[in-house]
Amino acid sequence: MDLDTVKKLLAREGALFVVLVFVGFVLLPICIYLVGSAMFGAYDDGGLAGFFGDLQGELREGEPAVVFLLLSPWLLWQLLRLTILAFRHLAPSRPEEADARREPRAGDL
């Protein structure tokens, strides 16, 4: 890999990280608040602003569940990428390779 390719890759991955972290820090909490309000009633500690404040306070304290929740869009994207990569690696690319990758049978030994 040359330097230009690495720079483009880092720029693309950085932009993807920023967008998915934005989704996790802004859009996901709004969705959680709206669903929670519809299911359980109004949030008692100041509405949406209070919910965001409590969430950010727990994030600053390092609460693992909150960190996981806010990073979950990026983590799920990475998990999807790894799953696709694994399937591509395990699947035969050509029909003639399918025979080469099949499990050995007792009669083959």
PDB file of N, CA and C in Angstrom:
ATOM      1  N   MET A   1       0.845  -1.186   0.000  1.00  0.00           N
ATOM      2  CA  MET A   1       0.000   0.000   0.000  1.00  0.00           C
ATOM      3  C   MET A   1       0.884   1.240   0.000  1.00  0.00           C
ATOM      4  N   ASP A   2       0.533   2.153  -0.867  1.00  0.00           N
ATOM      5  CA  ASP A   2       1.286   3.395  -0.887  1.00  0.00           C
ATOM      6  C   ASP A   2       0.647   4.403   0.069  1.00  0.00           C
ATOM      7  N   LEU A   3       1.310   5.499   0.274  1.00  0.00           N
ATOM      8  CA  LEU A   3       0.879   6.509   1.246  1.00  0.00           C
ATOM      9  C   LEU A   3      -0.457   7.127   0.871  1.00  0.00           C
ATOM     10  N   ASP A   4      -0.690   7.343  -0.421  1.00  0.00           N
ATOM     11  CA  ASP A   4      -1.960   7.916  -0.868  1.00  0.00           C
ATOM     12  C   ASP A   4      -3.140   7.004  -0.531  1.00  0.00           C
ATOM     13  N   THR A   5      -2.959   5.732  -0.744  1.00  0.00           N
ATOM     14  CA  THR A   5      -4.012   4.768  -0.449  1.00  0.00           C
ATOM     15  C   THR A   5      -4.306   4.727   1.041  1.00  0.00           C
ATOM     16  N   VAL A   6      -3.273   4.764   1.846  1.00  0.00           N
ATOM     17  CA  VAL A   6      -3.447   4.751   3.299  1.00  0.00           C
ATOM     18  C   VAL A   6      -4.175   6.008   3.762  1.00  0.00           C
ATOM     19  N   LYS A   7      -3.816   7.160   3.193  1.00  0.00           N
ATOM     20  CA  LYS A   7      -4.489   8.417   3.564  1.00  0.00           C
ATOM     21  C   LYS A   7      -5.968   8.373   3.214  1.00  0.00           C
ATOM     22  N   LYS A   8      -6.302   7.843   2.023  1.00  0.00           N
ATOM     23  CA  LYS A   8      -7.703   7.745   1.621  1.00  0.00           C
ATOM     24  C   LYS A   8      -8.465   6.783   2.528  1.00  0.00           C
ATOM     25  N   LEU A   9      -7.828   5.678   2.869  1.00  0.00           N
ATOM     26  CA  LEU A   9      -8.460   4.705   3.748  1.00  0.00           C
ATOM     27  C   LEU A   9      -8.719   5.294   5.132  1.00  0.00           C
ATOM     28  N   LEU A  10      -7.731   5.984   5.681  1.00  0.00           N
ATOM     29  CA  LEU A  10      -7.901   6.602   6.996  1.00  0.00           C
ATOM     30  C   LEU A  10      -8.956   7.697   6.969  1.00  0.00           C
ATOM     31  N   ALA A  11      -9.008   8.472   5.885  1.00  0.00           N
ATOM     32  CA  ALA A  11     -10.019   9.521   5.772  1.00  0.00           C
ATOM     33  C   ALA A  11     -11.419   8.910   5.711  1.00  0.00           C
ATOM     34  N   ARG A  12     -11.564   7.842   4.925  1.00  0.00           N
ATOM     35  CA  ARG A  12     -12.868   7.194   4.808  1.00  0.00           C
ATOM     36  C   ARG A  12     -13.288   6.570   6.130  1.00  0.00           C
ATOM     37  N   GLU A  13     -12.376   5.857   6.778  1.00  0.00           N
ATOM     38  CA  GLU A  13     -12.706   5.213   8.057  1.00  0.00           C
ATOM     39  C   GLU A  13     -12.964   6.255   9.149  1.00  0.00           C
ATOM     40  N   GLY A  14     -12.217   7.340   9.125  1.00  0.00           N
ATOM     41  CA  GLY A  14     -12.448   8.405  10.097  1.00  0.00           C
ATOM     42  C   GLY A  14     -13.806   9.052   9.916  1.00  0.00           C
ATOM     43  N   ALA A  15     -14.190   9.310   8.659  1.00  0.00           N
ATOM     44  CA  ALA A  15     -15.505   9.897   8.389  1.00  0.00           C
ATOM     45  C   ALA A  15     -16.619   8.949   8.813  1.00  0.00           C
ATOM     46  N   LEU A  16     -16.445   7.667   8.531  1.00  0.00           N
ATOM     47  CA  LEU A  16     -17.431   6.669   8.938  1.00  0.00           C
ATOM     48  C   LEU A  16     -17.559   6.631  10.459  1.00  0.00           C
ATOM     49  N   PHE A  17     -16.432   6.668  11.157  1.00  0.00           N
ATOM     50  CA  PHE A  17     -16.450   6.660  12.623  1.00  0.00           C
ATOM     51  C   PHE A  17     -17.185   7.891  13.160  1.00  0.00           C
ATOM     52  N   VAL A  18     -16.898   9.068  12.598  1.00  0.00           N
ATOM     53  CA  VAL A  18     -17.548  10.302  13.066  1.00  0.00           C
ATOM     54  C   VAL A  18     -19.056  10.230  12.852  1.00  0.00           C
ATOM     55  N   VAL A  19     -19.491   9.765  11.680  1.00  0.00           N
ATOM     56  CA  VAL A  19     -20.923   9.678  11.398  1.00  0.00           C
ATOM     57  C   VAL A  19     -21.606   8.693  12.340  1.00  0.00           C
ATOM     58  N   LEU A  20     -21.003   7.525  12.543  1.00  0.00           N
ATOM     59  CA  LEU A  20     -21.641   6.521  13.403  1.00  0.00           C
ATOM     60  C   LEU A  20     -21.605   6.911  14.877  1.00  0.00           C
ATOM     61  N   VAL A  21     -20.582   7.614  15.298  1.00  0.00           N
ATOM     62  CA  VAL A  21     -20.557   8.115  16.680  1.00  0.00           C
ATOM     63  C   VAL A  21     -21.611   9.210  16.856  1.00  0.00           C
ATOM     64  N   PHE A  22     -21.797  10.050  15.823  1.00  0.00           N
ATOM     65  CA  PHE A  22     -22.874  11.048  15.873  1.00  0.00           C
ATOM     66  C   PHE A  22     -24.229  10.359  16.026  1.00  0.00           C
ATOM     67  N   VAL A  23     -24.437   9.297  15.257  1.00  0.00           N
ATOM     68  CA  VAL A  23     -25.691   8.540  15.369  1.00  0.00           C
ATOM     69  C   VAL A  23     -25.844   7.997  16.788  1.00  0.00           C
ATOM     70  N   GLY A  24     -24.763   7.461  17.351  1.00  0.00           N
ATOM     71  CA  GLY A  24     -24.822   6.900  18.692  1.00  0.00           C
ATOM     72  C   GLY A  24     -25.007   7.931  19.790  1.00  0.00           C
ATOM     73  N   PHE A  25     -24.433   9.117  19.611  1.00  0.00           N
ATOM     74  CA  PHE A  25     -24.489  10.134  20.657  1.00  0.00           C
ATOM     75  C   PHE A  25     -25.698  11.049  20.543  1.00  0.00           C
ATOM     76  N   VAL A  26     -26.294  11.164  19.345  1.00  0.00           N
ATOM     77  CA  VAL A  26     -27.402  12.105  19.162  1.00  0.00           C
ATOM     78  C   VAL A  26     -28.694  11.381  18.773  1.00  0.00           C
ATOM     79  N   LEU A  27     -28.668  10.668  17.661  1.00  0.00           N
ATOM     80  CA  LEU A  27     -29.908  10.092  17.152  1.00  0.00           C
ATOM     81  C   LEU A  27     -30.405   8.911  17.987  1.00  0.00           C
ATOM     82  N   LEU A  28     -29.525   8.042  18.400  1.00  0.00           N
ATOM     83  CA  LEU A  28     -29.928   6.882  19.197  1.00  0.00           C
ATOM     84  C   LEU A  28     -30.550   7.301  20.541  1.00  0.00           C
ATOM     85  N   PRO A  29     -29.948   8.246  21.296  1.00  0.00           N
ATOM     86  CA  PRO A  29     -30.601   8.673  22.538  1.00  0.00           C
ATOM     87  C   PRO A  29     -31.966   9.328  22.314  1.00  0.00           C
ATOM     88  N   ILE A  30     -32.118  10.053  21.184  1.00  0.00           N
ATOM     89  CA  ILE A  30     -33.429  10.649  20.893  1.00  0.00           C
ATOM     90  C   ILE A  30     -34.452   9.547  20.664  1.00  0.00           C
ATOM     91  N   CYS A  31     -34.070   8.528  19.906  1.00  0.00           N
ATOM     92  CA  CYS A  31     -34.978   7.398  19.665  1.00  0.00           C
ATOM     93  C   CYS A  31     -35.305   6.672  20.968  1.00  0.00           C
ATOM     94  N   ILE A  32     -34.307   6.466  21.794  1.00  0.00           N
ATOM     95  CA  ILE A  32     -34.539   5.796  23.084  1.00  0.00           C
ATOM     96  C   ILE A  32     -35.485   6.623  23.949  1.00  0.00           C
ATOM     97  N   TYR A  33     -35.286   7.938  23.961  1.00  0.00           N
ATOM     98  CA  TYR A  33     -36.155   8.812  24.746  1.00  0.00           C
ATOM     99  C   TYR A  33     -37.594   8.751  24.237  1.00  0.00           C
ATOM    100  N   LEU A  34     -37.775   8.824  22.912  1.00  0.00           N
ATOM    101  CA  LEU A  34     -39.124   8.817  22.346  1.00  0.00           C
ATOM    102  C   LEU A  34     -39.837   7.494  22.611  1.00  0.00           C
ATOM    103  N   VAL A  35     -39.145   6.385  22.434  1.00  0.00           N
ATOM    104  CA  VAL A  35     -39.762   5.080  22.699  1.00  0.00           C
ATOM    105  C   VAL A  35     -40.044   4.927  24.194  1.00  0.00           C
ATOM    106  N   GLY A  36     -39.104   5.352  25.029  1.00  0.00           N
ATOM    107  CA  GLY A  36     -39.316   5.268  26.476  1.00  0.00           C
ATOM    108  C   GLY A  36     -40.481   6.128  26.937  1.00  0.00           C
ATOM    109  N   SER A  37     -40.609   7.310  26.359  1.00  0.00           N
ATOM    110  CA  SER A  37     -41.737   8.187  26.722  1.00  0.00           C
ATOM    111  C   SER A  37     -43.064   7.584  26.283  1.00  0.00           C
ATOM    112  N   ALA A  38     -43.079   6.964  25.111  1.00  0.00           N
ATOM    113  CA  ALA A  38     -44.317   6.353  24.632  1.00  0.00           C
ATOM    114  C   ALA A  38     -44.688   5.122  25.465  1.00  0.00           C
ATOM    115  N   MET A  39     -43.690   4.360  25.891  1.00  0.00           N
ATOM    116  CA  MET A  39     -43.964   3.124  26.617  1.00  0.00           C
ATOM    117  C   MET A  39     -44.192   3.353  28.116  1.00  0.00           C
ATOM    118  N   PHE A  40     -43.380   4.233  28.715  1.00  0.00           N
ATOM    119  CA  PHE A  40     -43.386   4.379  30.170  1.00  0.00           C
ATOM    120  C   PHE A  40     -43.872   5.736  30.666  1.00  0.00           C
ATOM    121  N   GLY A  41     -44.169   6.648  29.772  1.00  0.00           N
ATOM    122  CA  GLY A  41     -44.615   7.975  30.174  1.00  0.00           C
ATOM    123  C   GLY A  41     -43.464   8.969  30.145  1.00  0.00           C
ATOM    124  N   ALA A  42     -43.762  10.197  30.522  1.00  0.00           N
ATOM    125  CA  ALA A  42     -42.787  11.291  30.452  1.00  0.00           C
ATOM    126  C   ALA A  42     -41.598  11.043  31.381  1.00  0.00           C
ATOM    127  N   TYR A  43     -40.433  11.521  30.937  1.00  0.00           N
ATOM    128  CA  TYR A  43     -39.208  11.430  31.739  1.00  0.00           C
ATOM    129  C   TYR A  43     -39.288  12.512  32.807  1.00  0.00           C
ATOM    130  N   ASP A  44     -39.212  12.151  34.073  1.00  0.00           N
ATOM    131  CA  ASP A  44     -39.468  13.079  35.170  1.00  0.00           C
ATOM    132  C   ASP A  44     -38.390  14.123  35.383  1.00  0.00           C
ATOM    133  N   ASP A  45     -37.152  13.843  34.978  1.00  0.00           N
ATOM    134  CA  ASP A  45     -36.046  14.743  35.299  1.00  0.00           C
ATOM    135  C   ASP A  45     -35.738  15.737  34.186  1.00  0.00           C
ATOM    136  N   GLY A  46     -36.740  16.418  33.659  1.00  0.00           N
ATOM    137  CA  GLY A  46     -36.480  17.500  32.724  1.00  0.00           C
ATOM    138  C   GLY A  46     -36.633  17.154  31.259  1.00  0.00           C
ATOM    139  N   GLY A  47     -37.360  16.138  30.926  1.00  0.00           N
ATOM    140  CA  GLY A  47     -37.616  15.811  29.532  1.00  0.00           C
ATOM    141  C   GLY A  47     -36.369  15.343  28.794  1.00  0.00           C
ATOM    142  N   LEU A  48     -36.306  15.687  27.507  1.00  0.00           N
ATOM    143  CA  LEU A  48     -35.210  15.236  26.660  1.00  0.00           C
ATOM    144  C   LEU A  48     -33.871  15.808  27.121  1.00  0.00           C
ATOM    145  N   ALA A  49     -33.860  17.078  27.525  1.00  0.00           N
ATOM    146  CA  ALA A  49     -32.609  17.693  27.999  1.00  0.00           C
ATOM    147  C   ALA A  49     -32.104  16.996  29.268  1.00  0.00           C
ATOM    148  N   GLY A  50     -33.007  16.650  30.160  1.00  0.00           N
ATOM    149  CA  GLY A  50     -32.622  15.928  31.367  1.00  0.00           C
ATOM    150  C   GLY A  50     -32.098  14.533  31.049  1.00  0.00           C
ATOM    151  N   PHE A  51     -32.731  13.884  30.070  1.00  0.00           N
ATOM    152  CA  PHE A  51     -32.284  12.557  29.659  1.00  0.00           C
ATOM    153  C   PHE A  51     -30.870  12.627  29.085  1.00  0.00           C
ATOM    154  N   PHE A  52     -30.641  13.609  28.191  1.00  0.00           N
ATOM    155  CA  PHE A  52     -29.295  13.788  27.634  1.00  0.00           C
ATOM    156  C   PHE A  52     -28.279  14.102  28.733  1.00  0.00           C
ATOM    157  N   GLY A  53     -28.652  14.949  29.679  1.00  0.00           N
ATOM    158  CA  GLY A  53     -27.758  15.289  30.781  1.00  0.00           C
ATOM    159  C   GLY A  53     -27.382  14.084  31.617  1.00  0.00           C
ATOM    160  N   ASP A  54     -28.386  13.268  31.952  1.00  0.00           N
ATOM    161  CA  ASP A  54     -28.114  12.050  32.727  1.00  0.00           C
ATOM    162  C   ASP A  54     -27.232  11.077  31.947  1.00  0.00           C
ATOM    163  N   LEU A  55     -27.506  10.951  30.662  1.00  0.00           N
ATOM    164  CA  LEU A  55     -26.719  10.056  29.824  1.00  0.00           C
ATOM    165  C   LEU A  55     -25.266  10.515  29.727  1.00  0.00           C
ATOM    166  N   GLN A  56     -25.060  11.805  29.516  1.00  0.00           N
ATOM    167  CA  GLN A  56     -23.696  12.341  29.427  1.00  0.00           C
ATOM    168  C   GLN A  56     -22.970  12.247  30.769  1.00  0.00           C
ATOM    169  N   GLY A  57     -23.696  12.437  31.867  1.00  0.00           N
ATOM    170  CA  GLY A  57     -23.090  12.288  33.197  1.00  0.00           C
ATOM    171  C   GLY A  57     -22.607  10.866  33.437  1.00  0.00           C
ATOM    172  N   GLU A  58     -23.429   9.896  33.052  1.00  0.00           N
ATOM    173  CA  GLU A  58     -23.018   8.499  33.220  1.00  0.00           C
ATOM    174  C   GLU A  58     -21.868   8.154  32.284  1.00  0.00           C
ATOM    175  N   LEU A  59     -21.834   8.779  31.104  1.00  0.00           N
ATOM    176  CA  LEU A  59     -20.715   8.554  30.190  1.00  0.00           C
ATOM    177  C   LEU A  59     -19.417   9.089  30.793  1.00  0.00           C
ATOM    178  N   ARG A  60     -19.467  10.264  31.389  1.00  0.00           N
ATOM    179  CA  ARG A  60     -18.263  10.838  32.026  1.00  0.00           C
ATOM    180  C   ARG A  60     -17.783  10.004  33.201  1.00  0.00           C
ATOM    181  N   GLU A  61     -18.707   9.317  33.855  1.00  0.00           N
ATOM    182  CA  GLU A  61     -18.325   8.431  34.968  1.00  0.00           C
ATOM    183  C   GLU A  61     -17.759   7.115  34.462  1.00  0.00           C
ATOM    184  N   GLY A  62     -17.864   6.865  33.164  1.00  0.00           N
ATOM    185  CA  GLY A  62     -17.308   5.650  32.574  1.00  0.00           C
ATOM    186  C   GLY A  62     -18.204   4.434  32.699  1.00  0.00           C
ATOM    187  N   GLU A  63     -19.486   4.649  32.803  1.00  0.00           N
ATOM    188  CA  GLU A  63     -20.432   3.537  32.900  1.00  0.00           C
ATOM    189  C   GLU A  63     -20.340   2.672  31.646  1.00  0.00           C
ATOM    190  N   PRO A  64     -19.928   1.399  31.776  1.00  0.00           N
ATOM    191  CA  PRO A  64     -19.710   0.552  30.593  1.00  0.00           C
ATOM    192  C   PRO A  64     -20.951   0.372  29.715  1.00  0.00           C
ATOM    193  N   ALA A  65     -22.124   0.273  30.315  1.00  0.00           N
ATOM    194  CA  ALA A  65     -23.340   0.086  29.520  1.00  0.00           C
ATOM    195  C   ALA A  65     -23.619   1.301  28.648  1.00  0.00           C
ATOM    196  N   VAL A  66     -23.352   2.485  29.155  1.00  0.00           N
ATOM    197  CA  VAL A  66     -23.580   3.712  28.387  1.00  0.00           C
ATOM    198  C   VAL A  66     -22.550   3.822  27.266  1.00  0.00           C
ATOM    199  N   VAL A  67     -21.304   3.498  27.555  1.00  0.00           N
ATOM    200  CA  VAL A  67     -20.269   3.530  26.515  1.00  0.00           C
ATOM    201  C   VAL A  67     -20.625   2.556  25.406  1.00  0.00           C
ATOM    202  N   PHE A  68     -21.047   1.347  25.766  1.00  0.00           N
ATOM    203  CA  PHE A  68     -21.442   0.356  24.767  1.00  0.00           C
ATOM    204  C   PHE A  68     -22.635   0.850  23.957  1.00  0.00           C
ATOM    205  N   LEU A  69     -23.617   1.424  24.630  1.00  0.00           N
ATOM    206  CA  LEU A  69     -24.810   1.926  23.948  1.00  0.00           C
ATOM    207  C   LEU A  69     -24.460   3.007  22.933  1.00  0.00           C
ATOM    208  N   LEU A  70     -23.626   3.948  23.331  1.00  0.00           N
ATOM    209  CA  LEU A  70     -23.309   5.067  22.454  1.00  0.00           C
ATOM    210  C   LEU A  70     -22.383   4.671  21.305  1.00  0.00           C
ATOM    211  N   LEU A  71     -21.561   3.659  21.508  1.00  0.00           N
ATOM    212  CA  LEU A  71     -20.684   3.186  20.434  1.00  0.00           C
ATOM    213  C   LEU A  71     -21.297   2.031  19.637  1.00  0.00           C
ATOM    214  N   SER A  72     -22.502   1.596  19.998  1.00  0.00           N
ATOM    215  CA  SER A  72     -23.097   0.431  19.360  1.00  0.00           C
ATOM    216  C   SER A  72     -23.320   0.574  17.850  1.00  0.00           C
ATOM    217  N   PRO A  73     -23.679   1.730  17.295  1.00  0.00           N
ATOM    218  CA  PRO A  73     -23.782   1.780  15.822  1.00  0.00           C
ATOM    219  C   PRO A  73     -22.452   1.454  15.132  1.00  0.00           C
ATOM    220  N   TRP A  74     -21.356   1.994  15.640  1.00  0.00           N
ATOM    221  CA  TRP A  74     -20.046   1.713  15.046  1.00  0.00           C
ATOM    222  C   TRP A  74     -19.643   0.255  15.274  1.00  0.00           C
ATOM    223  N   LEU A  75     -19.900  -0.259  16.472  1.00  0.00           N
ATOM    224  CA  LEU A  75     -19.557  -1.645  16.770  1.00  0.00           C
ATOM    225  C   LEU A  75     -20.365  -2.618  15.910  1.00  0.00           C
ATOM    226  N   LEU A  76     -21.643  -2.331  15.701  1.00  0.00           N
ATOM    227  CA  LEU A  76     -22.459  -3.192  14.860  1.00  0.00           C
ATOM    228  C   LEU A  76     -21.999  -3.144  13.406  1.00  0.00           C
ATOM    229  N   TRP A  77     -21.588  -1.969  12.925  1.00  0.00           N
ATOM    230  CA  TRP A  77     -21.073  -1.856  11.568  1.00  0.00           C
ATOM    231  C   TRP A  77     -19.803  -2.692  11.405  1.00  0.00           C
ATOM    232  N   GLN A  78     -18.913  -2.630  12.386  1.00  0.00           N
ATOM    233  CA  GLN A  78     -17.681  -3.415  12.315  1.00  0.00           C
ATOM    234  C   GLN A  78     -17.978  -4.908  12.375  1.00  0.00           C
ATOM    235  N   LEU A  79     -18.941  -5.300  13.192  1.00  0.00           N
ATOM    236  CA  LEU A  79     -19.332  -6.708  13.274  1.00  0.00           C
ATOM    237  C   LEU A  79     -19.910  -7.186  11.942  1.00  0.00           C
ATOM    238  N   LEU A  80     -20.719  -6.357  11.300  1.00  0.00           N
ATOM    239  CA  LEU A  80     -21.255  -6.700   9.992  1.00  0.00           C
ATOM    240  C   LEU A  80     -20.139  -6.863   8.966  1.00  0.00           C
ATOM    241  N   ARG A  81     -19.167  -5.967   8.977  1.00  0.00           N
ATOM    242  CA  ARG A  81     -18.038  -6.061   8.056  1.00  0.00           C
ATOM    243  C   ARG A  81     -17.239  -7.341   8.273  1.00  0.00           C
ATOM    244  N   LEU A  82     -16.990  -7.683   9.528  1.00  0.00           N
ATOM    245  CA  LEU A  82     -16.250  -8.904   9.830  1.00  0.00           C
ATOM    246  C   LEU A  82     -17.025 -10.154   9.416  1.00  0.00           C
ATOM    247  N   THR A  83     -18.338 -10.125   9.594  1.00  0.00           N
ATOM    248  CA  THR A  83     -19.159 -11.258   9.195  1.00  0.00           C
ATOM    249  C   THR A  83     -19.122 -11.449   7.682  1.00  0.00           C
ATOM    250  N   ILE A  84     -19.251 -10.364   6.940  1.00  0.00           N
ATOM    251  CA  ILE A  84     -19.181 -10.444   5.480  1.00  0.00           C
ATOM    252  C   ILE A  84     -17.810 -10.942   5.047  1.00  0.00           C
ATOM    253  N   LEU A  85     -16.760 -10.447   5.665  1.00  0.00           N
ATOM    254  CA  LEU A  85     -15.414 -10.893   5.340  1.00  0.00           C
ATOM    255  C   LEU A  85     -15.248 -12.387   5.603  1.00  0.00           C
ATOM    256  N   ALA A  86     -15.784 -12.859   6.712  1.00  0.00           N
ATOM    257  CA  ALA A  86     -15.677 -14.288   7.037  1.00  0.00           C
ATOM    258  C   ALA A  86     -16.415 -15.137   6.013  1.00  0.00           C
ATOM    259  N   PHE A  87     -17.617 -14.716   5.620  1.00  0.00           N
ATOM    260  CA  PHE A  87     -18.361 -15.479   4.630  1.00  0.00           C
ATOM    261  C   PHE A  87     -17.660 -15.472   3.278  1.00  0.00           C
ATOM    262  N   ARG A  88     -17.088 -14.351   2.905  1.00  0.00           N
ATOM    263  CA  ARG A  88     -16.362 -14.294   1.639  1.00  0.00           C
ATOM    264  C   ARG A  88     -15.131 -15.192   1.669  1.00  0.00           C
ATOM    265  N   HIS A  89     -14.480 -15.243   2.813  1.00  0.00           N
ATOM    266  CA  HIS A  89     -13.279 -16.063   2.944  1.00  0.00           C
ATOM    267  C   HIS A  89     -13.611 -17.553   2.935  1.00  0.00           C
ATOM    268  N   LEU A  90     -14.711 -17.915   3.563  1.00  0.00           N
ATOM    269  CA  LEU A  90     -15.071 -19.324   3.687  1.00  0.00           C
ATOM    270  C   LEU A  90     -15.761 -19.868   2.448  1.00  0.00           C
ATOM    271  N   ALA A  91     -16.442 -19.026   1.701  1.00  0.00           N
ATOM    272  CA  ALA A  91     -17.168 -19.493   0.520  1.00  0.00           C
ATOM    273  C   ALA A  91     -16.203 -19.732  -0.631  1.00  0.00           C
ATOM    274  N   PRO A  92     -16.394 -20.813  -1.366  1.00  0.00           N
ATOM    275  CA  PRO A  92     -15.538 -21.041  -2.532  1.00  0.00           C
ATOM    276  C   PRO A  92     -15.854 -20.011  -3.614  1.00  0.00           C
ATOM    277  N   SER A  93     -14.809 -19.514  -4.263  1.00  0.00           N
ATOM    278  CA  SER A  93     -15.024 -18.482  -5.273  1.00  0.00           C
ATOM    279  C   SER A  93     -15.427 -19.079  -6.608  1.00  0.00           C
ATOM    280  N   ARG A  94     -15.021 -20.318  -6.886  1.00  0.00           N
ATOM    281  CA  ARG A  94     -15.364 -20.986  -8.146  1.00  0.00           C
ATOM    282  C   ARG A  94     -15.896 -22.379  -7.837  1.00  0.00           C
ATOM    283  N   PRO A  95     -16.754 -22.915  -8.718  1.00  0.00           N
ATOM    284  CA  PRO A  95     -17.319 -24.250  -8.440  1.00  0.00           C
ATOM    285  C   PRO A  95     -16.259 -25.335  -8.297  1.00  0.00           C
ATOM    286  N   GLU A  96     -15.156 -25.242  -9.041  1.00  0.00           N
ATOM    287  CA  GLU A  96     -14.139 -26.290  -8.922  1.00  0.00           C
ATOM    288  C   GLU A  96     -13.429 -26.253  -7.572  1.00  0.00           C
ATOM    289  N   GLU A  97     -13.445 -25.094  -6.895  1.00  0.00           N
ATOM    290  CA  GLU A  97     -12.844 -25.006  -5.563  1.00  0.00           C
ATOM    291  C   GLU A  97     -13.728 -25.645  -4.503  1.00  0.00           C
ATOM    292  N   ALA A  98     -15.012 -25.817  -4.807  1.00  0.00           N
ATOM    293  CA  ALA A  98     -15.923 -26.406  -3.827  1.00  0.00           C
ATOM    294  C   ALA A  98     -15.514 -27.835  -3.494  1.00  0.00           C
ATOM    295  N   ASP A  99     -15.056 -28.583  -4.493  1.00  0.00           N
ATOM    296  CA  ASP A  99     -14.613 -29.956  -4.231  1.00  0.00           C
ATOM    297  C   ASP A  99     -13.356 -29.984  -3.377  1.00  0.00           C
ATOM    298  N   ALA A 100     -12.468 -29.025  -3.583  1.00  0.00           N
ATOM    299  CA  ALA A 100     -11.211 -28.984  -2.838  1.00  0.00           C
ATOM    300  C   ALA A 100     -11.440 -28.653  -1.369  1.00  0.00           C
ATOM    301  N   ARG A 101     -12.528 -27.927  -1.056  1.00  0.00           N
ATOM    302  CA  ARG A 101     -12.759 -27.502   0.324  1.00  0.00           C
ATOM    303  C   ARG A 101     -13.735 -28.398   1.075  1.00  0.00           C
ATOM    304  N   ARG A 102     -14.252 -29.430   0.433  1.00  0.00           N
ATOM    305  CA  ARG A 102     -15.238 -30.255   1.122  1.00  0.00           C
ATOM    306  C   ARG A 102     -14.570 -31.076   2.220  1.00  0.00           C
ATOM    307  N   GLU A 103     -15.368 -31.468   3.169  1.00  0.00           N
ATOM    308  CA  GLU A 103     -14.876 -32.253   4.295  1.00  0.00           C
ATOM    309  C   GLU A 103     -14.490 -33.650   3.824  1.00  0.00           C
ATOM    310  N   PRO A 104     -13.419 -34.212   4.350  1.00  0.00           N
ATOM    311  CA  PRO A 104     -13.069 -35.578   3.977  1.00  0.00           C
ATOM    312  C   PRO A 104     -14.073 -36.578   4.541  1.00  0.00           C
ATOM    313  N   ARG A 105     -14.338 -37.619   3.781  1.00  0.00           N
ATOM    314  CA  ARG A 105     -15.273 -38.658   4.216  1.00  0.00           C
ATOM    315  C   ARG A 105     -14.482 -39.887   4.620  1.00  0.00           C
ATOM    316  N   ALA A 106     -15.149 -40.788   5.291  1.00  0.00           N
ATOM    317  CA  ALA A 106     -14.466 -41.997   5.769  1.00  0.00           C
ATOM    318  C   ALA A 106     -13.956 -42.826   4.601  1.00  0.00           C
ATOM    319  N   GLY A 107     -14.670 -42.847   3.479  1.00  0.00           N
ATOM    320  CA  GLY A 107     -14.248 -43.594   2.314  1.00  0.00           C
ATOM    321  C   GLY A 107     -13.027 -42.994   1.642  1.00  0.00           C
ATOM    322  N   ASP A 108     -12.750 -41.702   1.871  1.00  0.00           N
ATOM    323  CA  ASP A 108     -11.603 -41.029   1.266  1.00  0.00           C
ATOM    324  C   ASP A 108     -10.287 -41.397   1.958  1.00  0.00           C
ATOM    325  N   LEU A 109     -10.370 -41.873   3.167  1.00  0.00           N
ATOM    326  CA  LEU A 109      -9.149 -42.153   3.929  1.00  0.00           C
ATOM    327  C   LEU A 109      -8.551 -43.401   3.523  1.00  0.00           C
TER     328      LEU A 109
END
